[in-house]
Amino acid sequence: MNGATIVNPKHTMPEEVIKELDFSHQEDLDTLHQQMELAKAAQPDEEARTHSADLFRSVARASGVDLDDYRARASEHRARQVQKLEEAAEGHARIDRHLRPLDLEQPVPRAADPNFWFANAQASWTQPFNGRFLADGLHFTGKITYNSGSLSFRNFGARFRYELQSNRIPATSTGRWRSDPHMELFGGLLGWVGPADLFSGDRWSKCWMIRRQTLFQFVFAPPGVDNRHILGERVEAQNLIFLESGGLGGSRMHTVNLPGFQPMPSLTFSSPFLGQSIWAELETRFDIQVEGNSLLWIDPGDCLVRAFQWPLVGNA
């Protein structure tokens, strides 16, 4: 997995905080990898796919089908379809969004400022997707064109980290607080599954948008013990593209435009440790699955992710 990081030079994160967050992120990656392995295990294995292909070959030969000619024609047909899609996608106008640059060097907040203070952002992706930070936010580009019987996983996304020092936590008469951040997401996605042929299995093109907010504090703990105290966490998953075709079904395509303003999962919590900063991590990630004759592209051009500071509010 590849990645890039941008930091607020006016807000240095303690080394122990960075260490704990990186450890937590690695645990999340391990869990995601386990889920991928389970999903693959539920799919027909190579032996089953080979058996099905051999059966179709026997039927084709008995019917007098020239398999070499059939494969060549099917490959040419697929290449023409993908080329048409590429030409259409290239013809989509690049959008000039006229967005103001983001201030990624936010100064130290005033004592009465209840905003979470931006510290750093870490983007990650798997090939063939890639990302880079520009003045107006985080840009992702890429497209995967696939043609294999094995289920394949791709993703791209970012985590944004913020701090609210203890002296800036707003007062509340109820002992409860609410955190309602948002992001801005621009761009589009295109999914496609091609037509079946004699040797096709399932054809998938799927994408989910995962959004997460986690609030936590760092408290005293013995060496080697995770000292994060989770105040609250919410994860929301939204399916954006779900194309699934088996048998002799034809090609299918679906496009989706990202919404611009995008609320993140809201959190309400109580009983933070007094005298300790509240840290926040926001994550937006796009999880992709492709299988068989399929593709999933970022279209047109790029996907733009923008994150902002926001205030913690005392819950009345």
C-alpha atoms as a PDB file:
ATOM      1  CA  MET A   1       0.000   0.000   0.000  1.00  0.00           C
ATOM      2  CA  ASN A   2       1.288   3.462  -0.896  1.00  0.00           C
ATOM      3  CA  GLY A   3       0.735   6.713   0.949  1.00  0.00           C
ATOM      4  CA  ALA A   4       1.491  10.367   1.533  1.00  0.00           C
ATOM      5  CA  THR A   5       1.411  12.590   4.615  1.00  0.00           C
ATOM      6  CA  ILE A   6       0.909  16.297   5.177  1.00  0.00           C
ATOM      7  CA  VAL A   7       1.420  17.990   8.551  1.00  0.00           C
ATOM      8  CA  ASN A   8       0.549  21.283  10.182  1.00  0.00           C
ATOM      9  CA  PRO A   9       4.007  22.727  11.031  1.00  0.00           C
ATOM     10  CA  LYS A  10       2.390  24.793  13.788  1.00  0.00           C
ATOM     11  CA  HIS A  11       0.963  21.722  15.539  1.00  0.00           C
ATOM     12  CA  THR A  12       3.441  19.025  16.516  1.00  0.00           C
ATOM     13  CA  MET A  13       1.981  15.697  17.603  1.00  0.00           C
ATOM     14  CA  PRO A  14       3.731  13.963  20.530  1.00  0.00           C
ATOM     15  CA  GLU A  15       5.721  10.897  19.491  1.00  0.00           C
ATOM     16  CA  GLU A  16       3.759   8.628  21.824  1.00  0.00           C
ATOM     17  CA  VAL A  17       0.502   9.779  20.202  1.00  0.00           C
ATOM     18  CA  ILE A  18       1.831   9.085  16.714  1.00  0.00           C
ATOM     19  CA  LYS A  19       3.080   5.668  17.833  1.00  0.00           C
ATOM     20  CA  GLU A  20      -0.255   4.647  19.326  1.00  0.00           C
ATOM     21  CA  LEU A  21      -2.224   5.889  16.306  1.00  0.00           C
ATOM     22  CA  ASP A  22       0.052   4.071  13.865  1.00  0.00           C
ATOM     23  CA  PHE A  23      -0.294   0.890  15.938  1.00  0.00           C
ATOM     24  CA  SER A  24      -4.077   1.253  15.876  1.00  0.00           C
ATOM     25  CA  HIS A  25      -4.023   1.804  12.124  1.00  0.00           C
ATOM     26  CA  GLN A  26      -1.982  -1.365  11.639  1.00  0.00           C
ATOM     27  CA  GLU A  27      -4.566  -3.298  13.664  1.00  0.00           C
ATOM     28  CA  ASP A  28      -7.280  -1.919  11.371  1.00  0.00           C
ATOM     29  CA  LEU A  29      -5.288  -2.989   8.304  1.00  0.00           C
ATOM     30  CA  ASP A  30      -4.854  -6.489   9.747  1.00  0.00           C
ATOM     31  CA  THR A  31      -8.599  -6.731  10.358  1.00  0.00           C
ATOM     32  CA  LEU A  32      -9.327  -5.529   6.818  1.00  0.00           C
ATOM     33  CA  HIS A  33      -6.892  -8.099   5.421  1.00  0.00           C
ATOM     34  CA  GLN A  34      -8.655 -10.863   7.375  1.00  0.00           C
ATOM     35  CA  GLN A  35     -12.002  -9.761   5.949  1.00  0.00           C
ATOM     36  CA  MET A  36     -10.544  -9.867   2.442  1.00  0.00           C
ATOM     37  CA  GLU A  37      -9.223 -13.371   2.988  1.00  0.00           C
ATOM     38  CA  LEU A  38     -12.646 -14.514   4.208  1.00  0.00           C
ATOM     39  CA  ALA A  39     -14.303 -12.982   1.138  1.00  0.00           C
ATOM     40  CA  LYS A  40     -11.836 -14.776  -1.135  1.00  0.00           C
ATOM     41  CA  ALA A  41     -12.417 -18.045   0.695  1.00  0.00           C
ATOM     42  CA  ALA A  42     -16.129 -17.767  -0.055  1.00  0.00           C
ATOM     43  CA  GLN A  43     -15.413 -17.544  -3.801  1.00  0.00           C
ATOM     44  CA  PRO A  44     -14.809 -20.526  -6.123  1.00  0.00           C
ATOM     45  CA  ASP A  45     -11.131 -21.459  -5.961  1.00  0.00           C
ATOM     46  CA  GLU A  46      -8.791 -21.981  -8.890  1.00  0.00           C
ATOM     47  CA  GLU A  47      -9.565 -25.692  -9.057  1.00  0.00           C
ATOM     48  CA  ALA A  48     -13.319 -25.037  -9.297  1.00  0.00           C
ATOM     49  CA  ARG A  49     -12.817 -22.399 -11.986  1.00  0.00           C
ATOM     50  CA  THR A  50     -10.553 -24.743 -13.959  1.00  0.00           C
ATOM     51  CA  HIS A  51     -13.138 -27.534 -13.708  1.00  0.00           C
ATOM     52  CA  SER A  52     -15.883 -25.237 -15.052  1.00  0.00           C
ATOM     53  CA  ALA A  53     -13.648 -24.032 -17.875  1.00  0.00           C
ATOM     54  CA  ASP A  54     -12.740 -27.617 -18.834  1.00  0.00           C
ATOM     55  CA  LEU A  55     -16.440 -28.498 -18.924  1.00  0.00           C
ATOM     56  CA  PHE A  56     -17.188 -25.588 -21.257  1.00  0.00           C
ATOM     57  CA  ARG A  57     -14.242 -26.575 -23.465  1.00  0.00           C
ATOM     58  CA  SER A  58     -15.620 -30.090 -23.815  1.00  0.00           C
ATOM     59  CA  VAL A  59     -19.066 -28.751 -24.708  1.00  0.00           C
ATOM     60  CA  ALA A  60     -17.586 -26.262 -27.162  1.00  0.00           C
ATOM     61  CA  ARG A  61     -15.453 -28.870 -28.924  1.00  0.00           C
ATOM     62  CA  ALA A  62     -18.414 -31.263 -29.162  1.00  0.00           C
ATOM     63  CA  SER A  63     -20.387 -28.446 -30.783  1.00  0.00           C
ATOM     64  CA  GLY A  64     -17.614 -27.754 -33.301  1.00  0.00           C
ATOM     65  CA  VAL A  65     -16.636 -24.370 -31.847  1.00  0.00           C
ATOM     66  CA  ASP A  66     -13.126 -23.152 -32.737  1.00  0.00           C
ATOM     67  CA  LEU A  67     -11.940 -22.178 -29.233  1.00  0.00           C
ATOM     68  CA  ASP A  68      -8.896 -20.208 -30.402  1.00  0.00           C
ATOM     69  CA  ASP A  69     -11.049 -18.133 -32.750  1.00  0.00           C
ATOM     70  CA  TYR A  70     -13.692 -17.712 -30.055  1.00  0.00           C
ATOM     71  CA  ARG A  71     -11.154 -16.455 -27.491  1.00  0.00           C
ATOM     72  CA  ALA A  72      -9.596 -14.056 -29.998  1.00  0.00           C
ATOM     73  CA  ARG A  73     -12.957 -12.594 -30.975  1.00  0.00           C
ATOM     74  CA  ALA A  74     -14.055 -12.266 -27.338  1.00  0.00           C
ATOM     75  CA  SER A  75     -10.793 -10.496 -26.477  1.00  0.00           C
ATOM     76  CA  GLU A  76     -11.174  -8.099 -29.409  1.00  0.00           C
ATOM     77  CA  HIS A  77     -14.778  -7.344 -28.444  1.00  0.00           C
ATOM     78  CA  ARG A  78     -13.786  -6.582 -24.862  1.00  0.00           C
ATOM     79  CA  ALA A  79     -10.897  -4.372 -25.983  1.00  0.00           C
ATOM     80  CA  ARG A  80     -13.239  -2.355 -28.217  1.00  0.00           C
ATOM     81  CA  GLN A  81     -15.717  -1.857 -25.389  1.00  0.00           C
ATOM     82  CA  VAL A  82     -13.029  -0.732 -22.948  1.00  0.00           C
ATOM     83  CA  GLN A  83     -11.591   1.620 -25.575  1.00  0.00           C
ATOM     84  CA  LYS A  84     -15.017   3.180 -26.130  1.00  0.00           C
ATOM     85  CA  LEU A  85     -15.387   3.697 -22.401  1.00  0.00           C
ATOM     86  CA  GLU A  86     -11.928   5.267 -22.206  1.00  0.00           C
ATOM     87  CA  GLU A  87     -12.706   7.613 -25.082  1.00  0.00           C
ATOM     88  CA  ALA A  88     -16.009   8.610 -23.500  1.00  0.00           C
ATOM     89  CA  ALA A  89     -14.366   9.153 -20.108  1.00  0.00           C
ATOM     90  CA  GLU A  90     -11.561  11.220 -21.662  1.00  0.00           C
ATOM     91  CA  GLY A  91     -14.203  13.357 -23.313  1.00  0.00           C
ATOM     92  CA  HIS A  92     -15.758  14.272 -19.974  1.00  0.00           C
ATOM     93  CA  ALA A  93     -14.984  17.874 -19.180  1.00  0.00           C
ATOM     94  CA  ARG A  94     -12.574  18.497 -16.333  1.00  0.00           C
ATOM     95  CA  ILE A  95     -14.458  20.486 -13.718  1.00  0.00           C
ATOM     96  CA  ASP A  96     -13.007  23.757 -12.472  1.00  0.00           C
ATOM     97  CA  ARG A  97     -14.496  23.854  -9.007  1.00  0.00           C
ATOM     98  CA  HIS A  98     -13.192  27.338  -8.107  1.00  0.00           C
ATOM     99  CA  LEU A  99     -12.462  26.227  -4.559  1.00  0.00           C
ATOM    100  CA  ARG A 100     -10.406  28.267  -2.155  1.00  0.00           C
ATOM    101  CA  PRO A 101      -7.118  26.748  -0.993  1.00  0.00           C
ATOM    102  CA  LEU A 102      -7.260  24.996   2.368  1.00  0.00           C
ATOM    103  CA  ASP A 103      -5.312  26.488   5.258  1.00  0.00           C
ATOM    104  CA  LEU A 104      -3.254  23.498   6.396  1.00  0.00           C
ATOM    105  CA  GLU A 105      -1.115  25.621   8.732  1.00  0.00           C
ATOM    106  CA  GLN A 106      -3.747  26.600  11.234  1.00  0.00           C
ATOM    107  CA  PRO A 107      -2.241  28.679  14.079  1.00  0.00           C
ATOM    108  CA  VAL A 108      -2.612  27.830  17.755  1.00  0.00           C
ATOM    109  CA  PRO A 109      -6.296  28.373  18.646  1.00  0.00           C
ATOM    110  CA  ARG A 110      -7.316  30.958  21.219  1.00  0.00           C
ATOM    111  CA  ALA A 111      -8.169  29.701  24.689  1.00  0.00           C
ATOM    112  CA  ALA A 112     -11.904  30.137  24.081  1.00  0.00           C
ATOM    113  CA  ASP A 113     -11.836  28.443  20.659  1.00  0.00           C
ATOM    114  CA  PRO A 114     -13.652  25.040  20.833  1.00  0.00           C
ATOM    115  CA  ASN A 115     -12.455  23.897  17.387  1.00  0.00           C
ATOM    116  CA  PHE A 116     -10.549  20.683  16.854  1.00  0.00           C
ATOM    117  CA  TRP A 117      -7.095  21.779  15.673  1.00  0.00           C
ATOM    118  CA  PHE A 118      -5.706  20.116  12.537  1.00  0.00           C
ATOM    119  CA  ALA A 119      -2.456  18.192  13.108  1.00  0.00           C
ATOM    120  CA  ASN A 120      -1.844  15.949  10.098  1.00  0.00           C
ATOM    121  CA  ALA A 121      -3.393  13.926   7.299  1.00  0.00           C
ATOM    122  CA  GLN A 122      -2.294  10.607   5.881  1.00  0.00           C
ATOM    123  CA  ALA A 123      -3.462   9.405   2.488  1.00  0.00           C
ATOM    124  CA  SER A 124      -3.155   5.775   1.410  1.00  0.00           C
ATOM    125  CA  TRP A 125      -3.992   3.809  -1.704  1.00  0.00           C
ATOM    126  CA  THR A 126      -3.346   0.602  -3.594  1.00  0.00           C
ATOM    127  CA  GLN A 127      -2.213   0.570  -7.207  1.00  0.00           C
ATOM    128  CA  PRO A 128      -3.297   1.572  -9.796  1.00  0.00           C
ATOM    129  CA  PHE A 129      -4.808   4.431  -7.752  1.00  0.00           C
ATOM    130  CA  ASN A 130      -2.682   7.239  -6.365  1.00  0.00           C
ATOM    131  CA  GLY A 131      -3.089  10.453  -4.426  1.00  0.00           C
ATOM    132  CA  ARG A 132      -1.403  13.777  -3.770  1.00  0.00           C
ATOM    133  CA  PHE A 133      -2.002  16.830  -1.640  1.00  0.00           C
ATOM    134  CA  LEU A 134      -2.508  20.104  -3.515  1.00  0.00           C
ATOM    135  CA  ALA A 135      -3.473  23.568  -2.307  1.00  0.00           C
ATOM    136  CA  ASP A 136      -7.211  22.843  -2.482  1.00  0.00           C
ATOM    137  CA  GLY A 137      -7.125  19.394  -0.866  1.00  0.00           C
ATOM    138  CA  LEU A 138      -6.300  15.747  -1.481  1.00  0.00           C
ATOM    139  CA  HIS A 139      -6.628  14.526  -5.080  1.00  0.00           C
ATOM    140  CA  PHE A 140      -6.990  10.845  -6.015  1.00  0.00           C
ATOM    141  CA  THR A 141      -6.703   9.531  -9.567  1.00  0.00           C
ATOM    142  CA  GLY A 142      -6.603   6.121 -11.213  1.00  0.00           C
ATOM    143  CA  LYS A 143      -8.585   3.334 -12.788  1.00  0.00           C
ATOM    144  CA  ILE A 144      -8.471  -0.434 -12.597  1.00  0.00           C
ATOM    145  CA  THR A 145      -9.302  -2.489 -15.677  1.00  0.00           C
ATOM    146  CA  TYR A 146      -9.551  -6.132 -14.707  1.00  0.00           C
ATOM    147  CA  ASN A 147     -10.073  -9.516 -16.346  1.00  0.00           C
ATOM    148  CA  SER A 148      -9.342 -12.340 -13.939  1.00  0.00           C
ATOM    149  CA  GLY A 149     -11.423 -14.970 -12.203  1.00  0.00           C
ATOM    150  CA  SER A 150      -9.872 -14.081  -8.831  1.00  0.00           C
ATOM    151  CA  LEU A 151     -11.603 -11.527  -6.606  1.00  0.00           C
ATOM    152  CA  SER A 152      -9.359  -8.466  -6.250  1.00  0.00           C
ATOM    153  CA  PHE A 153      -9.481  -5.666  -3.663  1.00  0.00           C
ATOM    154  CA  ARG A 154      -8.374  -2.062  -4.080  1.00  0.00           C
ATOM    155  CA  ASN A 155      -8.869   1.060  -1.981  1.00  0.00           C
ATOM    156  CA  PHE A 156      -7.955   4.694  -1.560  1.00  0.00           C
ATOM    157  CA  GLY A 157      -8.666   7.156   1.218  1.00  0.00           C
ATOM    158  CA  ALA A 158      -7.263   9.287   4.018  1.00  0.00           C
ATOM    159  CA  ARG A 159      -7.195   9.825   7.782  1.00  0.00           C
ATOM    160  CA  PHE A 160      -7.213  13.337   9.269  1.00  0.00           C
ATOM    161  CA  ARG A 161      -6.127  13.951  12.870  1.00  0.00           C
ATOM    162  CA  TYR A 162      -7.048  16.824  15.177  1.00  0.00           C
ATOM    163  CA  GLU A 163      -6.559  17.902  18.782  1.00  0.00           C
ATOM    164  CA  LEU A 164      -8.761  19.820  21.216  1.00  0.00           C
ATOM    165  CA  GLN A 165      -6.709  20.814  24.271  1.00  0.00           C
ATOM    166  CA  SER A 166      -8.349  20.440  27.661  1.00  0.00           C
ATOM    167  CA  ASN A 167      -8.500  24.198  28.346  1.00  0.00           C
ATOM    168  CA  ARG A 168     -10.597  24.686  25.195  1.00  0.00           C
ATOM    169  CA  ILE A 169     -13.252  22.020  25.893  1.00  0.00           C
ATOM    170  CA  PRO A 170     -16.516  23.997  26.116  1.00  0.00           C
ATOM    171  CA  ALA A 171     -18.642  23.971  29.253  1.00  0.00           C
ATOM    172  CA  THR A 172     -21.823  21.928  29.364  1.00  0.00           C
ATOM    173  CA  SER A 173     -24.521  21.658  32.022  1.00  0.00           C
ATOM    174  CA  THR A 174     -25.415  18.090  31.042  1.00  0.00           C
ATOM    175  CA  GLY A 175     -21.957  16.528  31.119  1.00  0.00           C
ATOM    176  CA  ARG A 176     -22.325  15.555  27.451  1.00  0.00           C
ATOM    177  CA  TRP A 177     -20.740  16.866  24.265  1.00  0.00           C
ATOM    178  CA  ARG A 178     -21.465  16.495  20.549  1.00  0.00           C
ATOM    179  CA  SER A 179     -19.035  16.368  17.620  1.00  0.00           C
ATOM    180  CA  ASP A 180     -20.445  16.970  14.114  1.00  0.00           C
ATOM    181  CA  PRO A 181     -17.632  17.257  11.530  1.00  0.00           C
ATOM    182  CA  HIS A 182     -18.038  17.256   7.780  1.00  0.00           C
ATOM    183  CA  MET A 183     -15.898  16.887   4.675  1.00  0.00           C
ATOM    184  CA  GLU A 184     -16.244  17.888   1.052  1.00  0.00           C
ATOM    185  CA  LEU A 185     -16.029  15.188  -1.616  1.00  0.00           C
ATOM    186  CA  PHE A 186     -16.003  16.015  -5.319  1.00  0.00           C
ATOM    187  CA  GLY A 187     -15.654  13.903  -8.434  1.00  0.00           C
ATOM    188  CA  GLY A 188     -17.202  10.723  -9.751  1.00  0.00           C
ATOM    189  CA  LEU A 189     -16.799   6.978 -10.083  1.00  0.00           C
ATOM    190  CA  LEU A 190     -17.558   4.664 -12.984  1.00  0.00           C
ATOM    191  CA  GLY A 191     -18.133   0.932 -12.660  1.00  0.00           C
ATOM    192  CA  TRP A 192     -18.597  -1.591 -15.474  1.00  0.00           C
ATOM    193  CA  VAL A 193     -18.911  -5.335 -15.958  1.00  0.00           C
ATOM    194  CA  GLY A 194     -18.514  -6.737 -19.442  1.00  0.00           C
ATOM    195  CA  PRO A 195     -20.546  -9.389 -21.239  1.00  0.00           C
ATOM    196  CA  ALA A 196     -20.072 -13.062 -20.444  1.00  0.00           C
ATOM    197  CA  ASP A 197     -18.248 -15.559 -22.587  1.00  0.00           C
ATOM    198  CA  LEU A 198     -18.020 -19.343 -22.376  1.00  0.00           C
ATOM    199  CA  PHE A 199     -15.251 -19.171 -19.788  1.00  0.00           C
ATOM    200  CA  SER A 200     -16.554 -16.314 -17.646  1.00  0.00           C
ATOM    201  CA  GLY A 201     -17.405 -16.713 -14.006  1.00  0.00           C
ATOM    202  CA  ASP A 202     -18.836 -13.945 -11.861  1.00  0.00           C
ATOM    203  CA  ARG A 203     -18.201 -10.359 -12.916  1.00  0.00           C
ATOM    204  CA  TRP A 204     -18.120  -7.768 -10.124  1.00  0.00           C
ATOM    205  CA  SER A 205     -17.516  -4.051  -9.946  1.00  0.00           C
ATOM    206  CA  LYS A 206     -18.298  -2.706  -6.489  1.00  0.00           C
ATOM    207  CA  CYS A 207     -17.360   0.289  -4.375  1.00  0.00           C
ATOM    208  CA  TRP A 208     -18.232   1.317  -0.829  1.00  0.00           C
ATOM    209  CA  MET A 209     -17.519   4.665   0.825  1.00  0.00           C
ATOM    210  CA  ILE A 210     -16.482   4.167   4.456  1.00  0.00           C
ATOM    211  CA  ARG A 211     -16.695   7.139   6.833  1.00  0.00           C
ATOM    212  CA  ARG A 212     -15.450   7.062  10.421  1.00  0.00           C
ATOM    213  CA  GLN A 213     -15.115   9.445  13.350  1.00  0.00           C
ATOM    214  CA  THR A 214     -13.166   8.354  16.429  1.00  0.00           C
ATOM    215  CA  LEU A 215     -12.676  10.485  19.558  1.00  0.00           C
ATOM    216  CA  PHE A 216     -10.153   9.440  22.184  1.00  0.00           C
ATOM    217  CA  GLN A 217      -7.796  10.574  24.919  1.00  0.00           C
ATOM    218  CA  PHE A 218      -4.397   9.291  25.975  1.00  0.00           C
ATOM    219  CA  VAL A 219      -4.265   8.281  29.638  1.00  0.00           C
ATOM    220  CA  PHE A 220      -1.705   6.628  31.881  1.00  0.00           C
ATOM    221  CA  ALA A 221      -1.194   2.916  31.225  1.00  0.00           C
ATOM    222  CA  PRO A 222       1.563   0.366  31.959  1.00  0.00           C
ATOM    223  CA  PRO A 223       4.279  -0.033  29.300  1.00  0.00           C
ATOM    224  CA  GLY A 224       3.110  -2.046  26.307  1.00  0.00           C
ATOM    225  CA  VAL A 225      -0.575  -1.405  27.001  1.00  0.00           C
ATOM    226  CA  ASP A 226      -2.682   0.680  24.618  1.00  0.00           C
ATOM    227  CA  ASN A 227      -3.278   3.919  26.503  1.00  0.00           C
ATOM    228  CA  ARG A 228      -6.022   5.227  24.258  1.00  0.00           C
ATOM    229  CA  HIS A 229      -9.326   5.811  26.005  1.00  0.00           C
ATOM    230  CA  ILE A 230     -12.027   5.752  23.319  1.00  0.00           C
ATOM    231  CA  LEU A 231     -14.702   8.356  24.006  1.00  0.00           C
ATOM    232  CA  GLY A 232     -16.744   7.300  21.003  1.00  0.00           C
ATOM    233  CA  GLU A 233     -16.550   5.881  17.508  1.00  0.00           C
ATOM    234  CA  ARG A 234     -19.007   5.600  14.642  1.00  0.00           C
ATOM    235  CA  VAL A 235     -18.513   4.043  11.233  1.00  0.00           C
ATOM    236  CA  GLU A 236     -20.884   4.421   8.297  1.00  0.00           C
ATOM    237  CA  ALA A 237     -20.661   2.435   5.063  1.00  0.00           C
ATOM    238  CA  GLN A 238     -22.452   3.545   1.907  1.00  0.00           C
ATOM    239  CA  ASN A 239     -22.574   1.420  -1.210  1.00  0.00           C
ATOM    240  CA  LEU A 240     -21.876   3.582  -4.270  1.00  0.00           C
ATOM    241  CA  ILE A 241     -21.530   0.981  -7.024  1.00  0.00           C
ATOM    242  CA  PHE A 242     -22.810  -2.606  -6.930  1.00  0.00           C
ATOM    243  CA  LEU A 243     -22.584  -4.383 -10.266  1.00  0.00           C
ATOM    244  CA  GLU A 244     -22.694  -8.156 -10.088  1.00  0.00           C
ATOM    245  CA  SER A 245     -23.335 -10.408 -13.071  1.00  0.00           C
ATOM    246  CA  GLY A 246     -23.087 -14.154 -13.562  1.00  0.00           C
ATOM    247  CA  GLY A 247     -24.033 -16.653 -16.207  1.00  0.00           C
ATOM    248  CA  LEU A 248     -24.658 -15.206 -19.663  1.00  0.00           C
ATOM    249  CA  GLY A 249     -25.708 -11.721 -18.548  1.00  0.00           C
ATOM    250  CA  GLY A 250     -24.689  -8.765 -20.687  1.00  0.00           C
ATOM    251  CA  SER A 251     -22.547  -5.744 -19.852  1.00  0.00           C
ATOM    252  CA  ARG A 252     -23.690  -3.217 -17.247  1.00  0.00           C
ATOM    253  CA  MET A 253     -22.410   0.199 -16.222  1.00  0.00           C
ATOM    254  CA  HIS A 254     -23.093   2.601 -13.357  1.00  0.00           C
ATOM    255  CA  THR A 255     -21.746   6.064 -12.588  1.00  0.00           C
ATOM    256  CA  VAL A 256     -22.027   8.057  -9.381  1.00  0.00           C
ATOM    257  CA  ASN A 257     -21.211  11.661  -8.502  1.00  0.00           C
ATOM    258  CA  LEU A 258     -19.831  12.487  -5.075  1.00  0.00           C
ATOM    259  CA  PRO A 259     -22.040  14.873  -3.080  1.00  0.00           C
ATOM    260  CA  GLY A 260     -19.818  17.867  -2.340  1.00  0.00           C
ATOM    261  CA  PHE A 261     -20.837  18.507   1.265  1.00  0.00           C
ATOM    262  CA  GLN A 262     -20.558  15.226   3.165  1.00  0.00           C
ATOM    263  CA  PRO A 263     -21.514  14.914   6.863  1.00  0.00           C
ATOM    264  CA  MET A 264     -19.304  12.588   8.862  1.00  0.00           C
ATOM    265  CA  PRO A 265     -20.781  10.248  11.502  1.00  0.00           C
ATOM    266  CA  SER A 266     -21.920  12.309  14.485  1.00  0.00           C
ATOM    267  CA  LEU A 267     -20.774  11.440  18.012  1.00  0.00           C
ATOM    268  CA  THR A 268     -22.155  12.257  21.448  1.00  0.00           C
ATOM    269  CA  PHE A 269     -20.071  11.351  24.502  1.00  0.00           C
ATOM    270  CA  SER A 270     -19.630  12.028  28.210  1.00  0.00           C
ATOM    271  CA  SER A 271     -17.059  11.813  31.009  1.00  0.00           C
ATOM    272  CA  PRO A 272     -13.744  12.733  29.380  1.00  0.00           C
ATOM    273  CA  PHE A 273     -10.658  12.692  31.576  1.00  0.00           C
ATOM    274  CA  LEU A 274     -10.107  16.191  32.921  1.00  0.00           C
ATOM    275  CA  GLY A 275      -6.846  17.867  32.028  1.00  0.00           C
ATOM    276  CA  GLN A 276      -6.311  15.722  28.906  1.00  0.00           C
ATOM    277  CA  SER A 277      -6.623  16.694  25.260  1.00  0.00           C
ATOM    278  CA  ILE A 278      -9.369  15.138  23.156  1.00  0.00           C
ATOM    279  CA  TRP A 279      -8.029  13.763  19.892  1.00  0.00           C
ATOM    280  CA  ALA A 280     -10.113  13.132  16.796  1.00  0.00           C
ATOM    281  CA  GLU A 281      -9.470  10.989  13.745  1.00  0.00           C
ATOM    282  CA  LEU A 282     -11.660  11.286  10.661  1.00  0.00           C
ATOM    283  CA  GLU A 283     -11.376   8.688   7.924  1.00  0.00           C
ATOM    284  CA  THR A 284     -12.904   8.538   4.482  1.00  0.00           C
ATOM    285  CA  ARG A 285     -12.032   5.438   2.463  1.00  0.00           C
ATOM    286  CA  PHE A 286     -13.258   3.938  -0.794  1.00  0.00           C
ATOM    287  CA  ASP A 287     -13.194   0.111  -0.787  1.00  0.00           C
ATOM    288  CA  ILE A 288     -13.305  -1.537  -4.212  1.00  0.00           C
ATOM    289  CA  GLN A 289     -13.906  -5.115  -5.390  1.00  0.00           C
ATOM    290  CA  VAL A 290     -13.463  -6.280  -8.976  1.00  0.00           C
ATOM    291  CA  GLU A 291     -13.693  -9.751 -10.453  1.00  0.00           C
ATOM    292  CA  GLY A 292     -13.873 -11.169 -13.935  1.00  0.00           C
ATOM    293  CA  ASN A 293     -14.433  -8.895 -16.921  1.00  0.00           C
ATOM    294  CA  SER A 294     -14.810  -5.600 -15.031  1.00  0.00           C
ATOM    295  CA  LEU A 295     -13.433  -2.165 -14.285  1.00  0.00           C
ATOM    296  CA  LEU A 296     -13.757   0.689 -11.814  1.00  0.00           C
ATOM    297  CA  TRP A 297     -12.443   4.153 -12.596  1.00  0.00           C
ATOM    298  CA  ILE A 298     -12.246   7.539 -10.937  1.00  0.00           C
ATOM    299  CA  ASP A 299     -14.085   9.715 -13.447  1.00  0.00           C
ATOM    300  CA  PRO A 300     -13.795  12.409 -14.655  1.00  0.00           C
ATOM    301  CA  GLY A 301     -10.181  13.103 -13.820  1.00  0.00           C
ATOM    302  CA  ASP A 302      -9.949  12.966 -10.069  1.00  0.00           C
ATOM    303  CA  CYS A 303     -11.655  12.604  -6.705  1.00  0.00           C
ATOM    304  CA  LEU A 304     -11.093  15.560  -4.358  1.00  0.00           C
ATOM    305  CA  VAL A 305     -11.260  15.166  -0.566  1.00  0.00           C
ATOM    306  CA  ARG A 306     -11.323  18.256   1.654  1.00  0.00           C
ATOM    307  CA  ALA A 307     -11.431  18.227   5.463  1.00  0.00           C
ATOM    308  CA  PHE A 308     -12.044  21.098   7.880  1.00  0.00           C
ATOM    309  CA  GLN A 309     -11.770  22.018  11.542  1.00  0.00           C
ATOM    310  CA  TRP A 310     -15.034  22.002  13.502  1.00  0.00           C
ATOM    311  CA  PRO A 311     -16.204  22.916  17.009  1.00  0.00           C
ATOM    312  CA  LEU A 312     -17.026  20.591  19.871  1.00  0.00           C
ATOM    313  CA  VAL A 313     -20.439  21.592  21.237  1.00  0.00           C
ATOM    314  CA  GLY A 314     -21.780  21.184  24.746  1.00  0.00           C
ATOM    315  CA  ASN A 315     -24.935  19.090  24.502  1.00  0.00           C
ATOM    316  CA  ALA A 316     -27.881  20.931  26.076  1.00  0.00           C
END
